[in-house]
């Protein structure tokens, strides 16, 4: 039986993880590899991709890794060139790099604001800037960008740069989708909510709950109508649909993966 991504090459950024478990990028690499894609996995820290490679290869899939700072134009250009050199094409781009910094309009430093926009938004712009010409020469492709429900509504913490950059990703994707629709390049966004990824223990608990992981988990679950948190595999499943030919008539839109959280009014 044919797999959903047979013959496809997928470039996935943010493919590592801050700890063991299912981050969004790691889950996408593993799921896409299991569905037949050849994976070109990129992350700033090569060592963070070791578990990603192990899990992807366990599916019988093929994966190569590349170290890249996706906020640097030359590094992104080199990443895209390396993927084309390795596999000859790029059918799927998943932009998954991101991170949050606490602070509202007054408390957040200018430096933190600039860094957040670089990491969360400029990274998407640069990857699209260099990958779209490759897809155009091929006759098409699919781009999936990762935003956040923080870009749609207040999600429990003042993180104004993160929220602003994630909202911008949604509109960036819509504009780019319309511009390149005639070129058979689809662009969509996955919008994850309160996911239980390794980032919760490694970073968020310290930022928002004084290091109390259980308190943070309890507060996050309380916002979710389904009563539990998803993880990176839920984000990856949405990305898989958008990247696959099953979504051939889907572009310029979003899939919200949040257990119903943004549908609530409290």
Protein backbone atom coordinates (compact mmCIF):
# COMPACT_ATOMS: atom_id res chain seq x y z
CA UNK A 1 0.00 0.00 0.00
CA UNK A 2 1.32 3.42 -0.95
CA UNK A 3 2.20 5.72 1.91
CA UNK A 4 0.88 9.28 2.08
CA UNK A 5 4.23 10.95 1.38
CA UNK A 6 5.90 8.37 -0.87
CA UNK A 7 8.51 9.99 -3.09
CA UNK A 8 8.38 13.34 -1.25
CA UNK A 9 11.30 15.25 0.25
CA UNK A 10 10.47 17.16 3.44
CA UNK A 11 12.65 19.90 4.90
CA UNK A 12 11.71 20.29 8.57
CA UNK A 13 13.22 23.00 10.78
CA UNK A 14 13.24 22.85 14.56
CA UNK A 15 13.71 19.10 14.25
CA UNK A 16 15.45 18.71 17.57
CA UNK A 17 14.01 19.01 21.05
CA UNK A 18 15.04 20.38 24.45
CA UNK A 19 14.56 16.96 26.02
CA UNK A 20 13.18 13.44 25.53
CA UNK A 21 9.66 13.15 24.17
CA UNK A 22 7.47 14.54 21.45
CA UNK A 23 8.28 18.07 20.41
CA UNK A 24 6.47 19.33 17.32
CA UNK A 25 9.46 19.14 15.01
CA UNK A 26 10.61 15.74 16.20
CA UNK A 27 7.11 14.33 15.84
CA UNK A 28 6.81 15.72 12.31
CA UNK A 29 10.11 14.13 11.28
CA UNK A 30 9.11 10.73 12.66
CA UNK A 31 5.56 10.78 11.29
CA UNK A 32 6.58 12.03 7.86
CA UNK A 33 9.40 9.47 7.64
CA UNK A 34 6.96 6.71 8.49
CA UNK A 35 4.72 7.93 5.67
CA UNK A 36 7.49 7.56 3.11
CA UNK A 37 9.09 11.01 2.98
CA UNK A 38 12.83 11.49 2.89
CA UNK A 39 13.56 13.90 5.74
CA UNK A 40 16.07 16.72 5.78
CA UNK A 41 16.01 17.74 9.43
CA UNK A 42 17.50 21.03 10.61
CA UNK A 43 18.13 22.48 14.04
CA UNK A 44 20.51 24.93 15.66
CA UNK A 45 21.82 22.19 17.96
CA UNK A 46 22.81 18.99 16.12
CA UNK A 47 22.86 16.93 19.34
CA UNK A 48 19.18 17.73 19.94
CA UNK A 49 18.29 15.69 16.83
CA UNK A 50 19.78 12.38 18.02
CA UNK A 51 16.48 11.07 19.36
CA UNK A 52 14.68 12.40 16.29
CA UNK A 53 16.99 10.42 14.01
CA UNK A 54 16.66 7.27 16.11
CA UNK A 55 12.86 7.42 16.10
CA UNK A 56 12.64 8.29 12.38
CA UNK A 57 14.94 5.46 11.38
CA UNK A 58 12.90 3.06 13.53
CA UNK A 59 10.00 3.67 11.13
CA UNK A 60 12.15 2.48 8.25
CA UNK A 61 12.38 6.01 6.92
CA UNK A 62 15.34 8.02 5.67
CA UNK A 63 16.60 11.11 7.49
CA UNK A 64 19.58 13.43 7.24
CA UNK A 65 20.42 16.26 9.62
CA UNK A 66 21.81 19.74 9.16
CA UNK A 67 22.86 22.38 11.70
CA UNK A 68 21.36 25.78 10.93
CA UNK A 69 20.58 29.10 12.57
CA UNK A 70 17.35 29.88 10.74
CA UNK A 71 17.53 33.55 11.72
CA UNK A 72 20.59 34.03 9.49
CA UNK A 73 19.97 34.46 5.75
CA UNK A 74 23.24 32.88 4.59
CA UNK A 75 22.73 29.88 6.86
CA UNK A 76 19.19 29.33 5.55
CA UNK A 77 20.36 29.60 1.94
CA UNK A 78 23.05 27.01 2.71
CA UNK A 79 20.51 24.73 4.38
CA UNK A 80 18.22 24.79 1.36
CA UNK A 81 21.14 24.23 -1.01
CA UNK A 82 22.30 21.27 1.08
CA UNK A 83 18.83 19.71 0.98
CA UNK A 84 18.66 20.09 -2.81
CA UNK A 85 22.16 18.66 -3.13
CA UNK A 86 21.21 15.68 -0.98
CA UNK A 87 17.82 14.88 -2.47
CA UNK A 88 17.46 16.93 -5.66
CA UNK A 89 14.23 18.66 -4.64
CA UNK A 90 12.05 19.97 -1.81
CA UNK A 91 8.39 18.97 -1.89
CA UNK A 92 7.45 19.93 1.68
CA UNK A 93 8.69 22.65 4.00
CA UNK A 94 7.68 22.60 7.66
CA UNK A 95 8.69 25.75 9.53
CA UNK A 96 8.70 24.77 13.17
CA UNK A 97 11.30 26.91 14.94
CA UNK A 98 9.95 29.03 17.78
CA UNK A 99 10.07 29.97 21.41
CA UNK A 100 8.45 32.31 23.88
CA UNK A 101 9.73 35.02 26.20
CA UNK A 102 7.65 36.43 29.06
CA UNK A 103 6.78 40.09 29.23
CA UNK A 104 4.19 42.58 28.07
CA UNK A 105 4.61 45.86 26.20
CA UNK A 106 6.33 47.60 29.12
CA UNK A 107 8.21 44.78 30.82
CA UNK A 108 9.68 43.16 27.70
CA UNK A 109 13.06 44.51 26.64
CA UNK A 110 13.63 45.78 23.13
CA UNK A 111 16.32 43.14 22.67
CA UNK A 112 13.91 40.37 23.66
CA UNK A 113 11.28 41.75 21.29
CA UNK A 114 13.73 41.75 18.37
CA UNK A 115 14.96 38.26 19.19
CA UNK A 116 11.43 36.86 19.38
CA UNK A 117 10.50 38.28 16.00
CA UNK A 118 13.70 36.91 14.49
CA UNK A 119 13.25 33.41 15.90
CA UNK A 120 9.51 33.05 15.35
CA UNK A 121 8.80 35.13 12.25
CA UNK A 122 11.98 35.97 10.36
CA UNK A 123 12.86 32.28 10.34
CA UNK A 124 9.62 31.54 8.45
CA UNK A 125 10.25 34.38 6.00
CA UNK A 126 13.82 33.29 5.26
CA UNK A 127 12.95 29.62 4.78
CA UNK A 128 10.08 30.48 2.44
CA UNK A 129 12.24 33.00 0.58
CA UNK A 130 14.78 30.32 -0.29
CA UNK A 131 12.54 27.27 -0.64
CA UNK A 132 9.77 28.75 -2.80
CA UNK A 133 12.04 29.21 -5.85
CA UNK A 134 12.98 25.52 -5.59
CA UNK A 135 9.33 24.50 -5.44
CA UNK A 136 8.50 26.85 -8.30
CA UNK A 137 11.10 25.22 -10.56
CA UNK A 138 9.68 21.79 -9.66
CA UNK A 139 6.11 22.78 -10.42
CA UNK A 140 4.77 23.00 -6.88
CA UNK A 141 5.05 22.08 -3.23
CA UNK A 142 3.46 22.39 0.19
CA UNK A 143 4.52 24.67 3.04
CA UNK A 144 3.28 24.24 6.60
CA UNK A 145 4.07 26.96 9.11
CA UNK A 146 3.66 26.54 12.87
CA UNK A 147 1.92 29.34 14.76
CA UNK A 148 0.26 29.21 18.20
CA UNK A 149 -3.08 29.89 19.81
CA UNK A 150 -1.23 32.77 21.50
CA UNK A 151 -1.52 34.41 18.09
CA UNK A 152 -5.32 34.15 18.32
CA UNK A 153 -6.13 35.04 21.92
CA UNK A 154 -4.78 35.48 25.46
CA UNK A 155 -3.55 32.10 26.64
CA UNK A 156 -2.62 32.79 30.24
CA UNK A 157 0.60 34.81 30.17
CA UNK A 158 1.83 38.19 28.92
CA UNK A 159 4.20 37.23 26.13
CA UNK A 160 3.51 40.03 23.70
CA UNK A 161 6.36 39.41 21.25
CA UNK A 162 5.56 35.71 21.00
CA UNK A 163 1.86 36.40 20.51
CA UNK A 164 2.54 39.09 17.92
CA UNK A 165 4.98 36.98 15.94
CA UNK A 166 2.69 33.95 15.92
CA UNK A 167 -0.25 36.06 14.77
CA UNK A 168 1.97 37.42 12.01
CA UNK A 169 2.82 33.89 10.84
CA UNK A 170 -0.86 33.25 10.16
CA UNK A 171 -1.18 36.33 7.97
CA UNK A 172 2.19 35.73 6.32
CA UNK A 173 0.96 32.28 5.34
CA UNK A 174 -2.31 33.60 3.92
CA UNK A 175 -0.62 36.27 1.82
CA UNK A 176 2.04 33.88 0.54
CA UNK A 177 -0.59 31.24 -0.24
CA UNK A 178 -2.55 33.60 -2.46
CA UNK A 179 0.56 34.92 -4.21
CA UNK A 180 1.82 31.45 -5.12
CA UNK A 181 -1.42 29.55 -5.66
CA UNK A 182 -1.06 29.83 -9.43
CA UNK A 183 2.39 28.26 -9.08
CA UNK A 184 0.88 25.18 -7.37
CA UNK A 185 2.53 26.02 -4.04
CA UNK A 186 0.19 25.61 -1.08
CA UNK A 187 0.84 27.43 2.20
CA UNK A 188 -1.05 26.67 5.41
CA UNK A 189 -0.61 27.03 9.14
CA UNK A 190 -0.96 24.67 12.08
CA UNK A 191 -1.98 26.48 15.27
CA UNK A 192 -1.16 24.37 18.35
CA UNK A 193 -2.62 25.15 21.74
CA UNK A 194 -1.49 24.06 25.21
CA UNK A 195 0.68 21.11 24.20
CA UNK A 196 2.63 18.97 26.64
CA UNK A 197 5.97 19.00 24.87
CA UNK A 198 9.39 18.74 26.55
CA UNK A 199 9.46 22.56 26.52
CA UNK A 200 7.00 22.54 29.45
CA UNK A 201 9.45 20.96 31.89
CA UNK A 202 12.59 22.45 30.36
CA UNK A 203 11.55 26.10 30.13
CA UNK A 204 7.93 27.11 30.66
CA UNK A 205 7.59 25.92 34.25
CA UNK A 206 10.46 28.14 35.28
CA UNK A 207 9.05 31.13 33.41
CA UNK A 208 5.49 30.91 34.63
CA UNK A 209 5.13 28.69 37.72
CA UNK A 210 8.30 29.18 39.71
CA UNK A 211 9.54 25.79 38.53
CA UNK A 212 6.38 23.98 39.69
CA UNK A 213 5.68 21.71 36.73
CA UNK A 214 2.54 20.18 38.23
CA UNK A 215 1.02 23.61 38.91
CA UNK A 216 1.68 24.68 35.33
CA UNK A 217 0.22 21.47 33.90
CA UNK A 218 -2.91 21.85 36.05
CA UNK A 219 -3.41 25.45 34.92
CA UNK A 220 -2.96 24.53 31.25
CA UNK A 221 -5.34 21.58 31.37
CA UNK A 222 -7.98 23.74 33.07
CA UNK A 223 -8.21 25.86 29.91
CA UNK A 224 -8.91 22.89 27.62
CA UNK A 225 -12.50 21.67 27.12
CA UNK A 226 -11.34 18.17 26.20
CA UNK A 227 -9.64 17.98 29.59
CA UNK A 228 -6.16 16.90 28.49
CA UNK A 229 -3.17 18.32 26.66
CA UNK A 230 -2.05 17.12 23.29
CA UNK A 231 1.61 16.70 22.38
CA UNK A 232 3.81 17.11 19.34
CA UNK A 233 2.20 14.17 17.58
CA UNK A 234 -1.11 16.01 17.43
CA UNK A 235 0.59 18.99 15.79
CA UNK A 236 2.40 16.65 13.41
CA UNK A 237 -0.79 14.86 12.38
CA UNK A 238 -2.32 18.18 11.32
CA UNK A 239 0.87 19.10 9.47
CA UNK A 240 0.86 15.72 7.72
CA UNK A 241 -2.62 16.30 6.33
CA UNK A 242 -1.70 19.79 5.10
CA UNK A 243 1.52 18.52 3.52
CA UNK A 244 -0.11 15.56 1.81
CA UNK A 245 -1.98 15.37 -1.49
CA UNK A 246 -5.16 14.85 0.53
CA UNK A 247 -5.03 18.62 1.10
CA UNK A 248 -4.60 19.46 -2.59
CA UNK A 249 -7.52 21.94 -2.41
CA UNK A 250 -6.46 23.47 0.91
CA UNK A 251 -4.35 26.63 0.99
CA UNK A 252 -4.23 29.92 2.85
CA UNK A 253 -5.92 28.58 5.96
CA UNK A 254 -5.25 27.22 9.45
CA UNK A 255 -5.89 24.09 11.48
CA UNK A 256 -6.23 24.86 15.19
CA UNK A 257 -5.07 21.95 17.36
CA UNK A 258 -6.04 22.95 20.89
CA UNK A 259 -8.68 20.65 22.38
CA UNK A 260 -11.29 23.36 21.97
CA UNK A 261 -9.48 26.00 24.01
CA UNK A 262 -9.89 28.94 21.63
CA UNK A 263 -13.60 28.17 21.22
CA UNK A 264 -14.18 29.04 24.90
CA UNK A 265 -15.12 32.56 25.96
CA UNK A 266 -13.64 32.41 29.47
